[in-house]
Amino acid sequence: MHPQRQKQWQEILQLTHQMLELAIPNKTLNDLTADEESAKQPWQVISGIETQRLKLLERFFATAPTEDEITEIEEGIRLINQSDQELAALGSKIQQEIAAVFSKNTAGQRAVSAYSNHE
């Protein structure tokens, strides 16, 4: 692979890795203050990186790969697909956890309200 294309491809793969690293939670939601903004922040950064990666992919594939690039590109695409699937699974899990936390908070608020109204 030509050095410039190699550099572009490595940057695409690095962004892919960075997105997954940011998505892996360092804390459980119970460790957070259960505020929605804290949970959203890494995903906002990931979204920005995804936009950047998409632009790089479009630029990279504006030139058709040569025969000697195909194997390396195929391996990278498999890695990107696997990473994107993991990101989707993590996003879904986080979304479910957030919904559960807010559901508990809402139930607790209703219980306090009901108790307060009966005194």
N, C-alpha and C. Protein backbone atom coordinates (compact mmCIF):
# COMPACT_ATOMS: atom_id res chain seq x y z
N MET A 1 0.86 -1.17 0.00
CA MET A 1 0.00 0.00 0.00
C MET A 1 0.90 1.23 0.00
N HIS A 2 0.54 2.20 -0.81
CA HIS A 2 1.28 3.46 -0.88
C HIS A 2 1.30 4.09 0.52
N PRO A 3 2.42 4.68 0.93
CA PRO A 3 2.52 5.23 2.29
C PRO A 3 1.40 6.21 2.67
N GLN A 4 0.97 7.05 1.74
CA GLN A 4 -0.11 8.00 2.06
C GLN A 4 -1.42 7.26 2.31
N ARG A 5 -1.73 6.28 1.47
CA ARG A 5 -2.95 5.49 1.67
C ARG A 5 -2.84 4.66 2.95
N GLN A 6 -1.66 4.15 3.22
CA GLN A 6 -1.44 3.38 4.45
C GLN A 6 -1.73 4.26 5.67
N LYS A 7 -1.26 5.49 5.61
CA LYS A 7 -1.49 6.43 6.71
C LYS A 7 -2.99 6.70 6.87
N GLN A 8 -3.70 6.91 5.77
CA GLN A 8 -5.15 7.14 5.82
C GLN A 8 -5.86 5.92 6.42
N TRP A 9 -5.48 4.74 5.96
CA TRP A 9 -6.13 3.51 6.44
C TRP A 9 -5.88 3.31 7.93
N GLN A 10 -4.66 3.56 8.37
CA GLN A 10 -4.33 3.42 9.79
C GLN A 10 -5.11 4.42 10.63
N GLU A 11 -5.32 5.62 10.11
CA GLU A 11 -6.10 6.62 10.83
C GLU A 11 -7.56 6.16 10.98
N ILE A 12 -8.11 5.58 9.93
CA ILE A 12 -9.49 5.06 9.97
C ILE A 12 -9.58 3.97 11.04
N LEU A 13 -8.62 3.06 11.05
CA LEU A 13 -8.64 1.98 12.03
C LEU A 13 -8.42 2.51 13.45
N GLN A 14 -7.60 3.52 13.60
CA GLN A 14 -7.36 4.12 14.91
C GLN A 14 -8.63 4.79 15.43
N LEU A 15 -9.34 5.48 14.57
CA LEU A 15 -10.61 6.10 14.98
C LEU A 15 -11.62 5.04 15.39
N THR A 16 -11.63 3.93 14.66
CA THR A 16 -12.52 2.83 15.00
C THR A 16 -12.20 2.31 16.40
N HIS A 17 -10.93 2.10 16.68
CA HIS A 17 -10.50 1.63 17.99
C HIS A 17 -10.86 2.65 19.08
N GLN A 18 -10.64 3.91 18.79
CA GLN A 18 -10.92 4.98 19.75
C GLN A 18 -12.41 5.01 20.10
N MET A 19 -13.27 4.84 19.12
CA MET A 19 -14.71 4.84 19.36
C MET A 19 -15.09 3.73 20.33
N LEU A 20 -14.56 2.55 20.11
CA LEU A 20 -14.88 1.42 20.98
C LEU A 20 -14.34 1.64 22.39
N GLU A 21 -13.14 2.16 22.49
CA GLU A 21 -12.55 2.44 23.80
C GLU A 21 -13.41 3.43 24.59
N LEU A 22 -13.92 4.45 23.93
CA LEU A 22 -14.76 5.43 24.60
C LEU A 22 -16.10 4.86 25.04
N ALA A 23 -16.57 3.86 24.30
CA ALA A 23 -17.88 3.28 24.60
C ALA A 23 -17.86 2.30 25.77
N ILE A 24 -16.70 1.73 26.04
CA ILE A 24 -16.62 0.76 27.13
C ILE A 24 -16.72 1.52 28.44
N PRO A 25 -17.78 1.22 29.19
CA PRO A 25 -18.01 2.00 30.41
C PRO A 25 -16.95 1.74 31.48
N ASN A 26 -16.49 2.83 32.08
CA ASN A 26 -15.54 2.74 33.19
C ASN A 26 -16.27 2.60 34.51
N LYS A 27 -17.51 3.00 34.54
CA LYS A 27 -18.33 2.96 35.75
C LYS A 27 -19.68 2.39 35.37
N THR A 28 -20.35 1.82 36.33
CA THR A 28 -21.72 1.41 36.08
C THR A 28 -22.59 2.64 36.27
N LEU A 29 -23.80 2.56 35.79
CA LEU A 29 -24.70 3.70 35.94
C LEU A 29 -25.01 3.98 37.40
N ASN A 30 -24.98 2.96 38.24
CA ASN A 30 -25.24 3.18 39.66
C ASN A 30 -24.15 4.04 40.29
N ASP A 31 -22.95 4.02 39.72
CA ASP A 31 -21.86 4.86 40.22
C ASP A 31 -22.02 6.31 39.77
N LEU A 32 -22.81 6.51 38.72
CA LEU A 32 -23.05 7.85 38.24
C LEU A 32 -24.16 8.49 39.07
N THR A 33 -24.33 9.75 38.91
CA THR A 33 -25.40 10.43 39.62
C THR A 33 -26.72 10.24 38.90
N ALA A 34 -26.73 9.32 37.93
CA ALA A 34 -27.93 8.99 37.16
C ALA A 34 -28.45 10.21 36.40
N ASP A 35 -27.54 11.11 36.07
CA ASP A 35 -28.01 12.20 35.23
C ASP A 35 -27.74 11.86 33.78
N GLU A 36 -28.69 12.17 32.98
CA GLU A 36 -28.69 11.78 31.58
C GLU A 36 -27.50 12.37 30.84
N GLU A 37 -27.10 13.58 31.17
CA GLU A 37 -25.99 14.23 30.47
C GLU A 37 -24.68 13.48 30.68
N SER A 38 -24.43 12.97 31.88
CA SER A 38 -23.21 12.21 32.15
C SER A 38 -23.16 10.97 31.28
N ALA A 39 -24.29 10.33 31.09
CA ALA A 39 -24.35 9.11 30.29
C ALA A 39 -24.20 9.41 28.80
N LYS A 40 -24.64 10.58 28.36
CA LYS A 40 -24.61 10.94 26.95
C LYS A 40 -23.23 11.38 26.46
N GLN A 41 -22.43 11.96 27.33
CA GLN A 41 -21.18 12.60 26.90
C GLN A 41 -20.27 11.72 26.06
N PRO A 42 -19.94 10.49 26.49
CA PRO A 42 -19.05 9.70 25.63
C PRO A 42 -19.68 9.41 24.27
N TRP A 43 -20.98 9.25 24.23
CA TRP A 43 -21.64 8.91 22.97
C TRP A 43 -21.67 10.11 22.04
N GLN A 44 -21.68 11.32 22.58
CA GLN A 44 -21.59 12.50 21.74
C GLN A 44 -20.21 12.58 21.09
N VAL A 45 -19.17 12.26 21.85
CA VAL A 45 -17.81 12.24 21.32
C VAL A 45 -17.69 11.15 20.26
N ILE A 46 -18.23 9.97 20.55
CA ILE A 46 -18.20 8.86 19.60
C ILE A 46 -18.89 9.26 18.30
N SER A 47 -20.00 9.95 18.40
CA SER A 47 -20.73 10.39 17.21
C SER A 47 -19.87 11.33 16.36
N GLY A 48 -19.14 12.22 17.01
CA GLY A 48 -18.25 13.13 16.29
C GLY A 48 -17.12 12.37 15.60
N ILE A 49 -16.57 11.37 16.29
CA ILE A 49 -15.50 10.56 15.71
C ILE A 49 -16.05 9.77 14.52
N GLU A 50 -17.26 9.25 14.66
CA GLU A 50 -17.87 8.49 13.56
C GLU A 50 -18.03 9.37 12.32
N THR A 51 -18.42 10.61 12.51
CA THR A 51 -18.54 11.55 11.38
C THR A 51 -17.19 11.75 10.70
N GLN A 52 -16.17 11.93 11.51
CA GLN A 52 -14.81 12.10 10.98
C GLN A 52 -14.37 10.83 10.24
N ARG A 53 -14.63 9.66 10.83
CA ARG A 53 -14.23 8.40 10.21
C ARG A 53 -14.95 8.19 8.88
N LEU A 54 -16.22 8.55 8.83
CA LEU A 54 -16.99 8.40 7.59
C LEU A 54 -16.39 9.25 6.47
N LYS A 55 -15.99 10.47 6.79
CA LYS A 55 -15.36 11.34 5.79
C LYS A 55 -14.05 10.73 5.28
N LEU A 56 -13.27 10.18 6.22
CA LEU A 56 -12.00 9.54 5.82
C LEU A 56 -12.25 8.31 4.96
N LEU A 57 -13.26 7.53 5.30
CA LEU A 57 -13.61 6.35 4.50
C LEU A 57 -14.02 6.75 3.08
N GLU A 58 -14.83 7.81 2.99
CA GLU A 58 -15.27 8.28 1.67
C GLU A 58 -14.07 8.72 0.83
N ARG A 59 -13.15 9.44 1.46
CA ARG A 59 -11.94 9.88 0.76
C ARG A 59 -11.06 8.70 0.35
N PHE A 60 -10.92 7.75 1.28
CA PHE A 60 -10.07 6.59 1.02
C PHE A 60 -10.61 5.77 -0.15
N PHE A 61 -11.92 5.54 -0.15
CA PHE A 61 -12.51 4.69 -1.19
C PHE A 61 -12.88 5.47 -2.45
N ALA A 62 -12.56 6.75 -2.51
CA ALA A 62 -12.73 7.51 -3.75
C ALA A 62 -11.77 6.97 -4.81
N THR A 63 -10.70 6.36 -4.34
CA THR A 63 -9.75 5.68 -5.22
C THR A 63 -9.92 4.18 -5.01
N ALA A 64 -10.14 3.46 -6.07
CA ALA A 64 -10.33 2.01 -5.97
C ALA A 64 -9.07 1.35 -5.41
N PRO A 65 -9.25 0.40 -4.52
CA PRO A 65 -8.09 -0.32 -3.97
C PRO A 65 -7.37 -1.12 -5.07
N THR A 66 -6.08 -1.21 -4.92
CA THR A 66 -5.29 -2.03 -5.85
C THR A 66 -5.31 -3.48 -5.36
N GLU A 67 -4.87 -4.37 -6.22
CA GLU A 67 -4.84 -5.80 -5.87
C GLU A 67 -4.03 -6.06 -4.61
N ASP A 68 -2.90 -5.38 -4.44
CA ASP A 68 -2.07 -5.62 -3.27
C ASP A 68 -2.65 -5.03 -1.98
N GLU A 69 -3.65 -4.17 -2.08
CA GLU A 69 -4.29 -3.57 -0.90
C GLU A 69 -5.48 -4.39 -0.39
N ILE A 70 -6.04 -5.22 -1.25
CA ILE A 70 -7.32 -5.86 -0.94
C ILE A 70 -7.29 -6.68 0.34
N THR A 71 -6.28 -7.49 0.55
CA THR A 71 -6.24 -8.33 1.75
C THR A 71 -6.22 -7.48 3.02
N GLU A 72 -5.38 -6.47 3.04
CA GLU A 72 -5.29 -5.60 4.22
C GLU A 72 -6.60 -4.86 4.45
N ILE A 73 -7.21 -4.38 3.39
CA ILE A 73 -8.47 -3.65 3.50
C ILE A 73 -9.59 -4.58 3.97
N GLU A 74 -9.63 -5.81 3.46
CA GLU A 74 -10.64 -6.78 3.91
C GLU A 74 -10.53 -7.03 5.40
N GLU A 75 -9.32 -7.20 5.89
CA GLU A 75 -9.09 -7.42 7.32
C GLU A 75 -9.57 -6.21 8.13
N GLY A 76 -9.26 -5.02 7.64
CA GLY A 76 -9.68 -3.80 8.31
C GLY A 76 -11.19 -3.64 8.32
N ILE A 77 -11.83 -3.98 7.23
CA ILE A 77 -13.29 -3.88 7.16
C ILE A 77 -13.94 -4.85 8.14
N ARG A 78 -13.37 -6.05 8.26
CA ARG A 78 -13.90 -7.00 9.26
C ARG A 78 -13.77 -6.41 10.66
N LEU A 79 -12.63 -5.80 10.94
CA LEU A 79 -12.41 -5.18 12.24
C LEU A 79 -13.41 -4.04 12.48
N ILE A 80 -13.63 -3.22 11.47
CA ILE A 80 -14.58 -2.11 11.57
C ILE A 80 -15.99 -2.64 11.82
N ASN A 81 -16.39 -3.67 11.08
CA ASN A 81 -17.72 -4.25 11.27
C ASN A 81 -17.90 -4.82 12.67
N GLN A 82 -16.88 -5.55 13.14
CA GLN A 82 -16.94 -6.13 14.48
C GLN A 82 -17.04 -5.03 15.53
N SER A 83 -16.23 -4.00 15.38
CA SER A 83 -16.24 -2.88 16.32
C SER A 83 -17.59 -2.17 16.31
N ASP A 84 -18.14 -1.95 15.13
CA ASP A 84 -19.44 -1.28 15.03
C ASP A 84 -20.55 -2.12 15.67
N GLN A 85 -20.47 -3.44 15.53
CA GLN A 85 -21.46 -4.31 16.17
C GLN A 85 -21.33 -4.24 17.69
N GLU A 86 -20.11 -4.21 18.19
CA GLU A 86 -19.88 -4.09 19.63
C GLU A 86 -20.39 -2.74 20.13
N LEU A 87 -20.15 -1.68 19.36
CA LEU A 87 -20.65 -0.35 19.73
C LEU A 87 -22.16 -0.34 19.82
N ALA A 88 -22.81 -0.95 18.84
CA ALA A 88 -24.28 -1.00 18.83
C ALA A 88 -24.80 -1.77 20.05
N ALA A 89 -24.14 -2.87 20.38
CA ALA A 89 -24.56 -3.65 21.55
C ALA A 89 -24.35 -2.87 22.84
N LEU A 90 -23.21 -2.19 22.96
CA LEU A 90 -22.95 -1.37 24.15
C LEU A 90 -23.95 -0.22 24.25
N GLY A 91 -24.23 0.40 23.12
CA GLY A 91 -25.21 1.50 23.11
C GLY A 91 -26.58 1.04 23.56
N SER A 92 -26.98 -0.11 23.08
CA SER A 92 -28.27 -0.67 23.46
C SER A 92 -28.31 -0.99 24.95
N LYS A 93 -27.23 -1.58 25.45
CA LYS A 93 -27.16 -1.91 26.88
C LYS A 93 -27.23 -0.66 27.74
N ILE A 94 -26.47 0.36 27.36
CA ILE A 94 -26.48 1.62 28.11
C ILE A 94 -27.86 2.24 28.08
N GLN A 95 -28.50 2.22 26.93
CA GLN A 95 -29.84 2.77 26.79
C GLN A 95 -30.82 2.06 27.73
N GLN A 96 -30.71 0.74 27.80
CA GLN A 96 -31.58 -0.03 28.70
C GLN A 96 -31.30 0.30 30.16
N GLU A 97 -30.02 0.44 30.50
CA GLU A 97 -29.65 0.79 31.88
C GLU A 97 -30.17 2.17 32.26
N ILE A 98 -30.05 3.11 31.35
CA ILE A 98 -30.55 4.47 31.62
C ILE A 98 -32.05 4.43 31.83
N ALA A 99 -32.75 3.71 30.98
CA ALA A 99 -34.21 3.59 31.11
C ALA A 99 -34.57 2.98 32.46
N ALA A 100 -33.83 1.97 32.90
CA ALA A 100 -34.11 1.33 34.18
C ALA A 100 -33.88 2.29 35.34
N VAL A 101 -32.78 3.05 35.28
CA VAL A 101 -32.49 4.02 36.35
C VAL A 101 -33.58 5.07 36.44
N PHE A 102 -33.99 5.62 35.30
CA PHE A 102 -35.01 6.66 35.32
C PHE A 102 -36.38 6.09 35.69
N SER A 103 -36.63 4.86 35.36
CA SER A 103 -37.87 4.21 35.74
C SER A 103 -37.94 4.07 37.26
N LYS A 104 -36.81 3.65 37.86
CA LYS A 104 -36.75 3.53 39.33
C LYS A 104 -36.93 4.90 39.98
N ASN A 105 -36.29 5.92 39.42
CA ASN A 105 -36.43 7.27 39.97
C ASN A 105 -37.86 7.74 39.90
N THR A 106 -38.51 7.50 38.78
CA THR A 106 -39.90 7.92 38.60
C THR A 106 -40.80 7.17 39.59
N ALA A 107 -40.57 5.87 39.75
CA ALA A 107 -41.37 5.08 40.69
C ALA A 107 -41.17 5.59 42.11
N GLY A 108 -39.93 5.92 42.46
CA GLY A 108 -39.64 6.45 43.78
C GLY A 108 -40.32 7.80 44.01
N GLN A 109 -40.31 8.65 42.99
CA GLN A 109 -40.97 9.94 43.11
C GLN A 109 -42.48 9.77 43.29
N ARG A 110 -43.06 8.82 42.58
CA ARG A 110 -44.50 8.57 42.73
C ARG A 110 -44.82 8.05 44.13
N ALA A 111 -43.97 7.20 44.68
CA ALA A 111 -44.18 6.66 46.02
C ALA A 111 -44.11 7.78 47.06
N VAL A 112 -43.10 8.65 46.92
CA VAL A 112 -42.97 9.78 47.86
C VAL A 112 -44.18 10.70 47.74
N SER A 113 -44.60 10.96 46.51
CA SER A 113 -45.76 11.82 46.28
C SER A 113 -47.02 11.21 46.88
N ALA A 114 -47.23 9.92 46.69
CA ALA A 114 -48.41 9.24 47.23
C ALA A 114 -48.37 9.27 48.76
N TYR A 115 -47.21 9.03 49.34
CA TYR A 115 -47.06 9.05 50.78
C TYR A 115 -47.33 10.45 51.33
N SER A 116 -46.79 11.47 50.65
CA SER A 116 -46.99 12.85 51.08
C SER A 116 -48.44 13.28 51.00
N ASN A 117 -49.15 12.82 50.00
CA ASN A 117 -50.55 13.18 49.83
C ASN A 117 -51.48 12.52 50.84
N HIS A 118 -51.04 11.44 51.47
CA HIS A 118 -51.90 10.73 52.43
C HIS A 118 -51.67 11.17 53.86
N GLU A 119 -50.72 12.03 54.11
CA GLU A 119 -50.48 12.49 55.48
C GLU A 119 -51.39 13.60 55.88
